[in-house]
Amino acid sequence: MKNNLLTIFLIFAASLYAAAAEPYVLVLGIGQDAGVPQIGCGSPYCEKAWKDRSLRRTVSSIALVDPESGERWIFDATPDLPEQFQFLKHNTDDDSNALAGVFLTHAHMGHYTGLMYLGFESMNAKGVPVYAMPRMRKFLSENGPWSQLVEFKNIELRPLENGAAVKLNKRLSVTPFLVPHRDEYSETVGYRIVSGNVSLLFIPDIDKWEKWDRQLSAEVIANDFLFVDATFFEDGEIPRPMSEVQHPFVSETMNLLKDLPPFERQKVHFIHFNHSNPIVQGSQAAIRKVENAGFKVASEGLVVKLAARTTAGVK
C-alpha cells in the first residue's frame, strides 16, 4: 500500500514539475509607445496618474521564458526596459543579466529605443542577440547611437525573414510576419511564438485590419492566444482626425470577431493602450464591455503558459 501511495505521489509531483517547466509568456508592459501617462499630457487622468504611481503603465512588451533551459527573450526593447528587465529577473528568480535575445517589431520609439540601455553608458552588455528584419537591421547598423551598440559588440544583429521560423531551442520557435503600419525607417512585423502545438501571436502595432493580407478571424481560429493592438478604444478619443493615426479601434476589433464562438474570442487579449484609452484609465464600463463581449484585457504581470494542449483543443 505504501509503495502504491509513493508511486502516486511521485507521478503527481512529476506532473506538477512538468507543468511548471512549460514555457510561458510574461506581459512586461501594456502602454502605447510613450507610456501612461504621456509626457506633456495635462488631461485629468494624466494629472492624476502623475501624482499616483500606481496608475502608471509601462510600454507594451512581452517576455518569452523557458524554465527548463533558463532562457529569456524580450519582444520589443521599450523606453521602460530597465524596469521591465528587473521585473523579468524577479519573475524568473534569476538575477543575472543573461538575456537570450531581443525581438524587434519596428523602428517606432516605444519598440526599439530601450536598446540604449544595453550600451556602453549603461549595462555594457556583451553580444545580446537582437533579431530584426532587413530594413530594421540596416537602420540600427547605419545610424548612431545604435550603430555604436553594434560596433562595441553590445548587441549582435540576427537576421529575420518574413514567414521564416527561427528555432530558439528544442521546443520553441518564433516566426515574424509583415503587417501594414507606418514604415518610415523599417518594416513592421508581428510574431508567432510556438511551443509544441501551442501558438501565440503578438501584434502590438498595425494599421486597420482590412489593410492586412490575412483575415483576423482566421488567425484567431488558427492560434491559441493573441495579443493585439488596442491603441484606441473608439473614434473621437483624441482631439485630432483619427484617420491620421491608423490603428484598429478596440470597438472595431470586437465587432469584426463578434460572430466567433466564445472559446475563440477568449483567446484575444488587448494590449498597447494609448493614455487616452478608457480601458487603461480603468473605466469599468469600457472593461466590462470588452469582457462581456468575451475578450480579455492584458495586464502587466499576466502569465500565459504555453502548455501542450490535448487533441481536443483548448476551449
C-alpha atoms as a PDB file:
ATOM      1  CA  MET A   1       0.000   0.000   0.000  1.00  0.00           C
ATOM      2  CA  LYS A   2       2.833   2.382   0.939  1.00  0.00           C
ATOM      3  CA  ASN A   3       4.607   1.652  -2.351  1.00  0.00           C
ATOM      4  CA  ASN A   4       1.410   2.417  -4.279  1.00  0.00           C
ATOM      5  CA  LEU A   5       0.975   5.729  -2.452  1.00  0.00           C
ATOM      6  CA  LEU A   6       4.626   6.615  -3.065  1.00  0.00           C
ATOM      7  CA  THR A   7       4.231   5.865  -6.768  1.00  0.00           C
ATOM      8  CA  ILE A   8       1.097   8.008  -6.985  1.00  0.00           C
ATOM      9  CA  PHE A   9       2.865  10.857  -5.167  1.00  0.00           C
ATOM     10  CA  LEU A  10       5.902  10.671  -7.459  1.00  0.00           C
ATOM     11  CA  ILE A  11       3.702  10.703 -10.578  1.00  0.00           C
ATOM     12  CA  PHE A  12       1.769  13.679  -9.208  1.00  0.00           C
ATOM     13  CA  ALA A  13       4.986  15.525  -8.307  1.00  0.00           C
ATOM     14  CA  ALA A  14       6.420  14.821 -11.757  1.00  0.00           C
ATOM     15  CA  SER A  15       3.293  16.167 -13.424  1.00  0.00           C
ATOM     16  CA  LEU A  16       3.475  19.357 -11.337  1.00  0.00           C
ATOM     17  CA  TYR A  17       7.129  19.828 -12.282  1.00  0.00           C
ATOM     18  CA  ALA A  18       6.375  19.266 -15.958  1.00  0.00           C
ATOM     19  CA  ALA A  19       3.589  21.849 -15.849  1.00  0.00           C
ATOM     20  CA  ALA A  20       5.809  24.328 -14.027  1.00  0.00           C
ATOM     21  CA  ALA A  21       8.600  23.779 -16.555  1.00  0.00           C
ATOM     22  CA  GLU A  22       6.421  24.646 -19.554  1.00  0.00           C
ATOM     23  CA  PRO A  23       7.469  27.776 -21.446  1.00  0.00           C
ATOM     24  CA  TYR A  24       5.383  30.850 -20.770  1.00  0.00           C
ATOM     25  CA  VAL A  25       4.862  34.413 -21.919  1.00  0.00           C
ATOM     26  CA  LEU A  26       5.016  37.204 -19.347  1.00  0.00           C
ATOM     27  CA  VAL A  27       3.472  40.603 -20.055  1.00  0.00           C
ATOM     28  CA  LEU A  28       6.026  43.290 -19.177  1.00  0.00           C
ATOM     29  CA  GLY A  29       4.047  46.349 -20.256  1.00  0.00           C
ATOM     30  CA  ILE A  30       0.770  47.374 -21.879  1.00  0.00           C
ATOM     31  CA  GLY A  31       1.061  51.066 -22.787  1.00  0.00           C
ATOM     32  CA  GLN A  32       1.467  52.812 -26.134  1.00  0.00           C
ATOM     33  CA  ASP A  33       4.995  53.924 -27.140  1.00  0.00           C
ATOM     34  CA  ALA A  34       5.081  56.944 -24.815  1.00  0.00           C
ATOM     35  CA  GLY A  35       3.667  55.092 -21.812  1.00  0.00           C
ATOM     36  CA  VAL A  36       0.867  56.033 -19.441  1.00  0.00           C
ATOM     37  CA  PRO A  37       0.673  58.905 -18.594  1.00  0.00           C
ATOM     38  CA  GLN A  38       2.332  60.597 -21.548  1.00  0.00           C
ATOM     39  CA  ILE A  39       4.810  63.460 -21.427  1.00  0.00           C
ATOM     40  CA  GLY A  40       3.094  66.807 -21.846  1.00  0.00           C
ATOM     41  CA  CYS A  41      -0.366  65.422 -21.131  1.00  0.00           C
ATOM     42  CA  GLY A  42      -2.444  67.630 -18.873  1.00  0.00           C
ATOM     43  CA  SER A  43      -5.725  65.730 -19.039  1.00  0.00           C
ATOM     44  CA  PRO A  44      -7.495  64.998 -15.746  1.00  0.00           C
ATOM     45  CA  TYR A  45      -6.400  61.363 -15.924  1.00  0.00           C
ATOM     46  CA  CYS A  46      -2.749  62.206 -16.683  1.00  0.00           C
ATOM     47  CA  GLU A  47      -2.658  64.715 -13.844  1.00  0.00           C
ATOM     48  CA  LYS A  48      -3.988  62.046 -11.528  1.00  0.00           C
ATOM     49  CA  ALA A  49      -1.504  59.459 -12.796  1.00  0.00           C
ATOM     50  CA  TRP A  50       1.461  61.821 -12.390  1.00  0.00           C
ATOM     51  CA  LYS A  51       0.577  62.065  -8.709  1.00  0.00           C
ATOM     52  CA  ASP A  52      -0.304  58.380  -8.177  1.00  0.00           C
ATOM     53  CA  ARG A  53       2.436  56.000  -9.366  1.00  0.00           C
ATOM     54  CA  SER A  54       0.078  53.025  -9.111  1.00  0.00           C
ATOM     55  CA  LEU A  55      -1.771  54.383 -12.164  1.00  0.00           C
ATOM     56  CA  ARG A  56       1.320  54.446 -14.381  1.00  0.00           C
ATOM     57  CA  ARG A  57       1.803  51.791 -17.050  1.00  0.00           C
ATOM     58  CA  THR A  58       4.980  50.842 -18.896  1.00  0.00           C
ATOM     59  CA  VAL A  59       5.211  50.456 -22.676  1.00  0.00           C
ATOM     60  CA  SER A  60       3.981  47.293 -24.381  1.00  0.00           C
ATOM     61  CA  SER A  61       6.385  44.388 -24.243  1.00  0.00           C
ATOM     62  CA  ILE A  62       6.282  40.663 -23.546  1.00  0.00           C
ATOM     63  CA  ALA A  63       8.905  38.144 -22.496  1.00  0.00           C
ATOM     64  CA  LEU A  64       9.193  34.509 -23.510  1.00  0.00           C
ATOM     65  CA  VAL A  65      10.608  32.298 -20.776  1.00  0.00           C
ATOM     66  CA  ASP A  66      11.763  28.684 -20.898  1.00  0.00           C
ATOM     67  CA  PRO A  67      12.119  27.499 -17.284  1.00  0.00           C
ATOM     68  CA  GLU A  68      13.740  24.253 -18.388  1.00  0.00           C
ATOM     69  CA  SER A  69      16.667  25.921 -20.175  1.00  0.00           C
ATOM     70  CA  GLY A  70      16.623  29.129 -18.131  1.00  0.00           C
ATOM     71  CA  GLU A  71      16.481  31.228 -21.311  1.00  0.00           C
ATOM     72  CA  ARG A  72      14.628  34.545 -21.550  1.00  0.00           C
ATOM     73  CA  TRP A  73      13.721  36.555 -24.646  1.00  0.00           C
ATOM     74  CA  ILE A  74      12.149  40.018 -24.772  1.00  0.00           C
ATOM     75  CA  PHE A  75       9.844  41.220 -27.530  1.00  0.00           C
ATOM     76  CA  ASP A  76      10.443  44.946 -28.160  1.00  0.00           C
ATOM     77  CA  ALA A  77      13.027  46.979 -26.266  1.00  0.00           C
ATOM     78  CA  THR A  78      10.951  49.787 -24.792  1.00  0.00           C
ATOM     79  CA  PRO A  79      11.988  53.031 -23.092  1.00  0.00           C
ATOM     80  CA  ASP A  80      10.989  51.219 -19.880  1.00  0.00           C
ATOM     81  CA  LEU A  81      13.461  48.363 -20.413  1.00  0.00           C
ATOM     82  CA  PRO A  82      15.385  48.831 -17.110  1.00  0.00           C
ATOM     83  CA  GLU A  83      12.238  48.458 -15.012  1.00  0.00           C
ATOM     84  CA  GLN A  84      10.887  45.661 -17.201  1.00  0.00           C
ATOM     85  CA  PHE A  85      14.140  43.695 -17.178  1.00  0.00           C
ATOM     86  CA  GLN A  86      14.262  43.932 -13.397  1.00  0.00           C
ATOM     87  CA  PHE A  87      10.680  42.656 -13.236  1.00  0.00           C
ATOM     88  CA  LEU A  88      11.631  39.770 -15.528  1.00  0.00           C
ATOM     89  CA  LYS A  89      14.559  38.889 -13.290  1.00  0.00           C
ATOM     90  CA  HIS A  90      12.290  38.808 -10.249  1.00  0.00           C
ATOM     91  CA  ASN A  91       9.664  36.715 -12.042  1.00  0.00           C
ATOM     92  CA  THR A  92      12.194  34.127 -13.200  1.00  0.00           C
ATOM     93  CA  ASP A  93      14.146  34.121  -9.910  1.00  0.00           C
ATOM     94  CA  ASP A  94      17.279  34.781 -11.947  1.00  0.00           C
ATOM     95  CA  ASP A  95      19.183  37.947 -11.019  1.00  0.00           C
ATOM     96  CA  SER A  96      21.791  37.527 -13.738  1.00  0.00           C
ATOM     97  CA  ASN A  97      21.877  39.802 -16.770  1.00  0.00           C
ATOM     98  CA  ALA A  98      21.574  36.803 -19.085  1.00  0.00           C
ATOM     99  CA  LEU A  99      19.270  37.558 -21.995  1.00  0.00           C
ATOM    100  CA  ALA A 100      18.898  35.053 -24.811  1.00  0.00           C
ATOM    101  CA  GLY A 101      17.700  37.697 -27.239  1.00  0.00           C
ATOM    102  CA  VAL A 102      15.526  40.643 -28.167  1.00  0.00           C
ATOM    103  CA  PHE A 103      12.969  40.538 -30.996  1.00  0.00           C
ATOM    104  CA  LEU A 104      12.078  43.922 -32.508  1.00  0.00           C
ATOM    105  CA  THR A 105       8.794  44.669 -34.269  1.00  0.00           C
ATOM    106  CA  HIS A 106       9.701  48.029 -35.843  1.00  0.00           C
ATOM    107  CA  ALA A 107      11.501  51.369 -35.547  1.00  0.00           C
ATOM    108  CA  HIS A 108       8.995  53.474 -33.617  1.00  0.00           C
ATOM    109  CA  MET A 109      10.134  54.960 -30.323  1.00  0.00           C
ATOM    110  CA  GLY A 110       8.367  52.555 -27.986  1.00  0.00           C
ATOM    111  CA  HIS A 111       9.680  49.426 -29.661  1.00  0.00           C
ATOM    112  CA  TYR A 112      13.456  49.711 -30.005  1.00  0.00           C
ATOM    113  CA  THR A 113      14.863  52.705 -28.101  1.00  0.00           C
ATOM    114  CA  GLY A 114      15.359  50.633 -24.956  1.00  0.00           C
ATOM    115  CA  LEU A 115      18.355  49.085 -26.729  1.00  0.00           C
ATOM    116  CA  MET A 116      20.308  52.110 -25.480  1.00  0.00           C
ATOM    117  CA  TYR A 117      20.354  50.579 -22.000  1.00  0.00           C
ATOM    118  CA  LEU A 118      22.418  47.669 -23.322  1.00  0.00           C
ATOM    119  CA  GLY A 119      25.144  50.123 -24.342  1.00  0.00           C
ATOM    120  CA  PHE A 120      28.476  51.337 -23.010  1.00  0.00           C
ATOM    121  CA  GLU A 121      26.957  54.069 -20.826  1.00  0.00           C
ATOM    122  CA  SER A 122      24.610  51.617 -19.108  1.00  0.00           C
ATOM    123  CA  MET A 123      24.739  47.806 -18.786  1.00  0.00           C
ATOM    124  CA  ASN A 124      27.533  47.442 -21.357  1.00  0.00           C
ATOM    125  CA  ALA A 125      26.076  44.104 -22.434  1.00  0.00           C
ATOM    126  CA  LYS A 126      28.114  41.558 -24.328  1.00  0.00           C
ATOM    127  CA  GLY A 127      26.706  40.311 -27.622  1.00  0.00           C
ATOM    128  CA  VAL A 128      22.988  40.245 -26.835  1.00  0.00           C
ATOM    129  CA  PRO A 129      21.275  38.766 -29.932  1.00  0.00           C
ATOM    130  CA  VAL A 130      18.886  41.308 -31.450  1.00  0.00           C
ATOM    131  CA  TYR A 131      16.570  39.820 -34.070  1.00  0.00           C
ATOM    132  CA  ALA A 132      15.378  42.253 -36.727  1.00  0.00           C
ATOM    133  CA  MET A 133      14.101  42.448 -40.288  1.00  0.00           C
ATOM    134  CA  PRO A 134      16.382  43.726 -43.118  1.00  0.00           C
ATOM    135  CA  ARG A 135      15.436  47.429 -43.008  1.00  0.00           C
ATOM    136  CA  MET A 136      15.467  47.393 -39.218  1.00  0.00           C
ATOM    137  CA  ARG A 137      18.965  45.884 -39.172  1.00  0.00           C
ATOM    138  CA  LYS A 138      20.170  48.457 -41.707  1.00  0.00           C
ATOM    139  CA  PHE A 139      18.676  51.285 -39.639  1.00  0.00           C
ATOM    140  CA  LEU A 140      20.430  50.110 -36.472  1.00  0.00           C
ATOM    141  CA  SER A 141      23.794  49.434 -38.097  1.00  0.00           C
ATOM    142  CA  GLU A 142      23.992  52.683 -40.100  1.00  0.00           C
ATOM    143  CA  ASN A 143      22.609  55.252 -37.648  1.00  0.00           C
ATOM    144  CA  GLY A 144      24.036  56.430 -34.355  1.00  0.00           C
ATOM    145  CA  PRO A 145      23.796  55.933 -31.498  1.00  0.00           C
ATOM    146  CA  TRP A 146      22.508  52.460 -32.363  1.00  0.00           C
ATOM    147  CA  SER A 147      25.477  51.692 -34.598  1.00  0.00           C
ATOM    148  CA  GLN A 148      27.738  52.089 -31.561  1.00  0.00           C
ATOM    149  CA  LEU A 149      25.932  49.173 -29.927  1.00  0.00           C
ATOM    150  CA  VAL A 150      26.957  47.063 -32.924  1.00  0.00           C
ATOM    151  CA  GLU A 151      30.486  48.492 -33.081  1.00  0.00           C
ATOM    152  CA  PHE A 152      31.089  47.903 -29.371  1.00  0.00           C
ATOM    153  CA  LYS A 153      29.540  44.433 -29.657  1.00  0.00           C
ATOM    154  CA  ASN A 154      26.922  45.190 -27.014  1.00  0.00           C
ATOM    155  CA  ILE A 155      24.424  43.639 -29.404  1.00  0.00           C
ATOM    156  CA  GLU A 156      24.691  41.128 -32.218  1.00  0.00           C
ATOM    157  CA  LEU A 157      22.193  41.679 -35.026  1.00  0.00           C
ATOM    158  CA  ARG A 158      20.460  38.480 -36.131  1.00  0.00           C
ATOM    159  CA  PRO A 159      18.576  38.367 -39.462  1.00  0.00           C
ATOM    160  CA  LEU A 160      14.868  37.735 -39.782  1.00  0.00           C
ATOM    161  CA  GLU A 161      12.845  36.964 -42.912  1.00  0.00           C
ATOM    162  CA  ASN A 162       9.119  37.305 -43.383  1.00  0.00           C
ATOM    163  CA  GLY A 163       7.494  33.954 -42.647  1.00  0.00           C
ATOM    164  CA  ALA A 164      10.755  32.175 -41.798  1.00  0.00           C
ATOM    165  CA  ALA A 165      10.778  30.484 -38.388  1.00  0.00           C
ATOM    166  CA  VAL A 166      13.680  30.978 -36.000  1.00  0.00           C
ATOM    167  CA  LYS A 167      14.278  27.886 -33.875  1.00  0.00           C
ATOM    168  CA  LEU A 168      15.256  29.071 -30.403  1.00  0.00           C
ATOM    169  CA  ASN A 169      15.772  25.677 -28.805  1.00  0.00           C
ATOM    170  CA  LYS A 170      14.378  22.167 -28.967  1.00  0.00           C
ATOM    171  CA  ARG A 171      10.831  23.235 -28.162  1.00  0.00           C
ATOM    172  CA  LEU A 172      10.466  26.921 -29.029  1.00  0.00           C
ATOM    173  CA  SER A 173      10.359  28.809 -32.313  1.00  0.00           C
ATOM    174  CA  VAL A 174       9.447  32.346 -33.384  1.00  0.00           C
ATOM    175  CA  THR A 175       8.186  33.425 -36.807  1.00  0.00           C
ATOM    176  CA  PRO A 176       7.955  37.077 -37.926  1.00  0.00           C
ATOM    177  CA  PHE A 177       5.213  38.189 -40.325  1.00  0.00           C
ATOM    178  CA  LEU A 178       4.769  41.553 -42.007  1.00  0.00           C
ATOM    179  CA  VAL A 179       1.875  43.797 -41.010  1.00  0.00           C
ATOM    180  CA  PRO A 180       0.847  47.156 -42.505  1.00  0.00           C
ATOM    181  CA  HIS A 181       1.964  50.169 -40.493  1.00  0.00           C
ATOM    182  CA  ARG A 182       3.826  53.467 -40.872  1.00  0.00           C
ATOM    183  CA  ASP A 183       7.175  52.159 -42.064  1.00  0.00           C
ATOM    184  CA  GLU A 184       9.317  55.296 -42.186  1.00  0.00           C
ATOM    185  CA  TYR A 185      12.520  53.592 -41.025  1.00  0.00           C
ATOM    186  CA  SER A 186      11.806  49.873 -41.001  1.00  0.00           C
ATOM    187  CA  GLU A 187       9.308  47.175 -41.738  1.00  0.00           C
ATOM    188  CA  THR A 188       6.712  46.316 -39.119  1.00  0.00           C
ATOM    189  CA  VAL A 189       6.168  42.736 -38.042  1.00  0.00           C
ATOM    190  CA  GLY A 190       4.140  40.715 -35.622  1.00  0.00           C
ATOM    191  CA  TYR A 191       5.414  37.453 -34.153  1.00  0.00           C
ATOM    192  CA  ARG A 192       4.088  33.926 -33.849  1.00  0.00           C
ATOM    193  CA  ILE A 193       5.576  32.113 -30.870  1.00  0.00           C
ATOM    194  CA  VAL A 194       5.256  28.334 -30.980  1.00  0.00           C
ATOM    195  CA  SER A 195       5.804  25.814 -28.200  1.00  0.00           C
ATOM    196  CA  GLY A 196       4.879  22.281 -29.224  1.00  0.00           C
ATOM    197  CA  ASN A 197       1.330  22.514 -30.546  1.00  0.00           C
ATOM    198  CA  VAL A 198       0.559  25.836 -28.841  1.00  0.00           C
ATOM    199  CA  SER A 199       0.953  29.196 -30.579  1.00  0.00           C
ATOM    200  CA  LEU A 200       0.674  32.846 -29.561  1.00  0.00           C
ATOM    201  CA  LEU A 201       0.507  35.921 -31.825  1.00  0.00           C
ATOM    202  CA  PHE A 202       1.949  39.263 -30.746  1.00  0.00           C
ATOM    203  CA  ILE A 203       0.777  42.243 -32.846  1.00  0.00           C
ATOM    204  CA  PRO A 204       1.237  45.421 -30.791  1.00  0.00           C
ATOM    205  CA  ASP A 205       1.067  47.782 -33.789  1.00  0.00           C
ATOM    206  CA  ILE A 206      -0.891  47.503 -37.035  1.00  0.00           C
ATOM    207  CA  ASP A 207      -2.976  49.724 -39.281  1.00  0.00           C
ATOM    208  CA  LYS A 208      -6.638  48.895 -39.865  1.00  0.00           C
ATOM    209  CA  TRP A 209      -7.262  45.151 -40.090  1.00  0.00           C
ATOM    210  CA  GLU A 210      -8.638  45.411 -43.629  1.00  0.00           C
ATOM    211  CA  LYS A 211      -5.189  46.528 -44.836  1.00  0.00           C
ATOM    212  CA  TRP A 212      -3.643  43.237 -43.743  1.00  0.00           C
ATOM    213  CA  ASP A 213      -3.363  40.435 -46.276  1.00  0.00           C
ATOM    214  CA  ARG A 214      -4.732  37.989 -43.707  1.00  0.00           C
ATOM    215  CA  GLN A 215      -8.127  37.576 -42.090  1.00  0.00           C
ATOM    216  CA  LEU A 216      -8.012  38.277 -38.368  1.00  0.00           C
ATOM    217  CA  SER A 217     -10.796  35.787 -37.640  1.00  0.00           C
ATOM    218  CA  ALA A 218      -8.811  33.040 -39.375  1.00  0.00           C
ATOM    219  CA  GLU A 219      -5.757  33.901 -37.295  1.00  0.00           C
ATOM    220  CA  VAL A 220      -7.798  33.667 -34.113  1.00  0.00           C
ATOM    221  CA  ILE A 221      -9.027  30.212 -35.089  1.00  0.00           C
ATOM    222  CA  ALA A 222      -5.533  29.068 -36.081  1.00  0.00           C
ATOM    223  CA  ASN A 223      -3.809  30.126 -32.841  1.00  0.00           C
ATOM    224  CA  ASP A 224      -4.260  29.687 -29.098  1.00  0.00           C
ATOM    225  CA  PHE A 225      -3.521  33.192 -27.807  1.00  0.00           C
ATOM    226  CA  LEU A 226      -3.367  36.615 -29.433  1.00  0.00           C
ATOM    227  CA  PHE A 227      -2.107  39.947 -28.085  1.00  0.00           C
ATOM    228  CA  VAL A 228      -3.353  42.628 -30.462  1.00  0.00           C
ATOM    229  CA  ASP A 229      -3.169  46.385 -30.977  1.00  0.00           C
ATOM    230  CA  ALA A 230      -5.646  48.257 -28.769  1.00  0.00           C
ATOM    231  CA  THR A 231      -4.162  51.744 -29.018  1.00  0.00           C
ATOM    232  CA  PHE A 232      -7.582  53.426 -29.157  1.00  0.00           C
ATOM    233  CA  PHE A 233     -10.945  52.267 -27.881  1.00  0.00           C
ATOM    234  CA  GLU A 234     -13.136  54.099 -30.394  1.00  0.00           C
ATOM    235  CA  ASP A 235     -13.333  57.054 -32.766  1.00  0.00           C
ATOM    236  CA  GLY A 236     -13.244  60.559 -31.310  1.00  0.00           C
ATOM    237  CA  GLU A 237     -10.898  59.605 -28.479  1.00  0.00           C
ATOM    238  CA  ILE A 238      -8.219  62.216 -29.211  1.00  0.00           C
ATOM    239  CA  PRO A 239      -8.583  65.844 -30.388  1.00  0.00           C
ATOM    240  CA  ARG A 240      -7.350  65.279 -33.944  1.00  0.00           C
ATOM    241  CA  PRO A 241      -8.617  63.407 -37.022  1.00  0.00           C
ATOM    242  CA  MET A 242      -8.071  59.791 -36.030  1.00  0.00           C
ATOM    243  CA  SER A 243      -7.640  58.829 -39.669  1.00  0.00           C
ATOM    244  CA  GLU A 244      -4.170  60.371 -39.246  1.00  0.00           C
ATOM    245  CA  VAL A 245      -3.278  57.724 -36.661  1.00  0.00           C
ATOM    246  CA  GLN A 246      -4.068  54.365 -38.204  1.00  0.00           C
ATOM    247  CA  HIS A 247      -4.862  51.742 -35.593  1.00  0.00           C
ATOM    248  CA  PRO A 248      -7.794  49.342 -35.272  1.00  0.00           C
ATOM    249  CA  PHE A 249     -10.145  50.578 -32.574  1.00  0.00           C
ATOM    250  CA  VAL A 250     -10.949  48.047 -29.862  1.00  0.00           C
ATOM    251  CA  SER A 251     -14.595  48.502 -30.824  1.00  0.00           C
ATOM    252  CA  GLU A 252     -13.757  47.618 -34.452  1.00  0.00           C
ATOM    253  CA  THR A 253     -11.815  44.505 -33.485  1.00  0.00           C
ATOM    254  CA  MET A 254     -14.628  43.264 -31.243  1.00  0.00           C
ATOM    255  CA  ASN A 255     -17.187  43.875 -33.974  1.00  0.00           C
ATOM    256  CA  LEU A 256     -15.011  42.085 -36.523  1.00  0.00           C
ATOM    257  CA  LEU A 257     -14.808  38.984 -34.305  1.00  0.00           C
ATOM    258  CA  LYS A 258     -18.268  39.064 -32.707  1.00  0.00           C
ATOM    259  CA  ASP A 259     -19.555  36.059 -34.663  1.00  0.00           C
ATOM    260  CA  LEU A 260     -16.781  33.752 -33.469  1.00  0.00           C
ATOM    261  CA  PRO A 261     -17.705  31.236 -30.734  1.00  0.00           C
ATOM    262  CA  PRO A 262     -16.939  32.331 -27.152  1.00  0.00           C
ATOM    263  CA  PHE A 263     -13.979  29.949 -26.807  1.00  0.00           C
ATOM    264  CA  GLU A 264     -12.360  31.617 -29.828  1.00  0.00           C
ATOM    265  CA  ARG A 265     -12.992  35.182 -28.663  1.00  0.00           C
ATOM    266  CA  GLN A 266     -11.422  34.495 -25.262  1.00  0.00           C
ATOM    267  CA  LYS A 267      -8.075  33.929 -26.983  1.00  0.00           C
ATOM    268  CA  VAL A 268      -7.843  37.640 -27.815  1.00  0.00           C
ATOM    269  CA  HIS A 269      -6.013  39.907 -25.355  1.00  0.00           C
ATOM    270  CA  PHE A 270      -5.927  43.652 -25.976  1.00  0.00           C
ATOM    271  CA  ILE A 271      -2.588  45.424 -25.451  1.00  0.00           C
ATOM    272  CA  HIS A 272      -0.708  48.643 -26.419  1.00  0.00           C
ATOM    273  CA  PHE A 273      -3.129  51.171 -24.926  1.00  0.00           C
ATOM    274  CA  ASN A 274      -2.768  54.884 -25.584  1.00  0.00           C
ATOM    275  CA  HIS A 275      -3.045  57.012 -22.449  1.00  0.00           C
ATOM    276  CA  SER A 276      -6.408  58.239 -23.778  1.00  0.00           C
ATOM    277  CA  ASN A 277      -7.895  54.750 -23.927  1.00  0.00           C
ATOM    278  CA  PRO A 278     -10.603  54.377 -21.233  1.00  0.00           C
ATOM    279  CA  ILE A 279      -9.506  50.777 -20.645  1.00  0.00           C
ATOM    280  CA  VAL A 280      -6.046  51.750 -19.402  1.00  0.00           C
ATOM    281  CA  GLN A 281      -7.619  54.605 -17.463  1.00  0.00           C
ATOM    282  CA  GLY A 282      -9.551  51.991 -15.516  1.00  0.00           C
ATOM    283  CA  SER A 283     -13.041  52.697 -16.875  1.00  0.00           C
ATOM    284  CA  GLN A 284     -15.139  49.828 -15.541  1.00  0.00           C
ATOM    285  CA  ALA A 285     -17.751  50.459 -18.248  1.00  0.00           C
ATOM    286  CA  ALA A 286     -15.144  50.014 -21.003  1.00  0.00           C
ATOM    287  CA  ILE A 287     -13.561  46.986 -19.348  1.00  0.00           C
ATOM    288  CA  ARG A 288     -16.965  45.340 -18.831  1.00  0.00           C
ATOM    289  CA  LYS A 289     -17.825  45.989 -22.474  1.00  0.00           C
ATOM    290  CA  VAL A 290     -14.698  44.095 -23.534  1.00  0.00           C
ATOM    291  CA  GLU A 291     -15.108  41.247 -21.062  1.00  0.00           C
ATOM    292  CA  ASN A 292     -18.859  40.866 -21.637  1.00  0.00           C
ATOM    293  CA  ALA A 293     -18.115  40.510 -25.345  1.00  0.00           C
ATOM    294  CA  GLY A 294     -15.831  37.578 -24.496  1.00  0.00           C
ATOM    295  CA  PHE A 295     -12.422  39.251 -24.927  1.00  0.00           C
ATOM    296  CA  LYS A 296      -9.602  39.892 -22.464  1.00  0.00           C
ATOM    297  CA  VAL A 297      -7.547  42.868 -21.344  1.00  0.00           C
ATOM    298  CA  ALA A 298      -3.802  42.346 -20.949  1.00  0.00           C
ATOM    299  CA  SER A 299      -2.243  43.479 -17.688  1.00  0.00           C
ATOM    300  CA  GLU A 300       1.332  43.899 -16.528  1.00  0.00           C
ATOM    301  CA  GLY A 301       2.482  40.667 -14.914  1.00  0.00           C
ATOM    302  CA  LEU A 302      -0.012  38.462 -16.759  1.00  0.00           C
ATOM    303  CA  VAL A 303       1.409  34.975 -17.364  1.00  0.00           C
ATOM    304  CA  VAL A 304       0.277  32.843 -20.304  1.00  0.00           C
ATOM    305  CA  LYS A 305       1.518  29.266 -20.037  1.00  0.00           C
ATOM    306  CA  LEU A 306       2.295  27.643 -23.374  1.00  0.00           C
ATOM    307  CA  ALA A 307       1.311  24.234 -22.058  1.00  0.00           C
ATOM    308  CA  ALA A 308       0.709  21.484 -24.601  1.00  0.00           C
ATOM    309  CA  ARG A 309      -3.000  21.151 -25.350  1.00  0.00           C
ATOM    310  CA  THR A 310      -4.852  17.897 -25.902  1.00  0.00           C
ATOM    311  CA  THR A 311      -6.043  16.825 -29.323  1.00  0.00           C
ATOM    312  CA  ALA A 312      -9.466  18.110 -28.304  1.00  0.00           C
ATOM    313  CA  GLY A 313      -8.018  21.626 -28.288  1.00  0.00           C
ATOM    314  CA  VAL A 314      -8.323  24.436 -25.812  1.00  0.00           C
ATOM    315  CA  LYS A 315     -11.915  25.568 -25.312  1.00  0.00           C
END
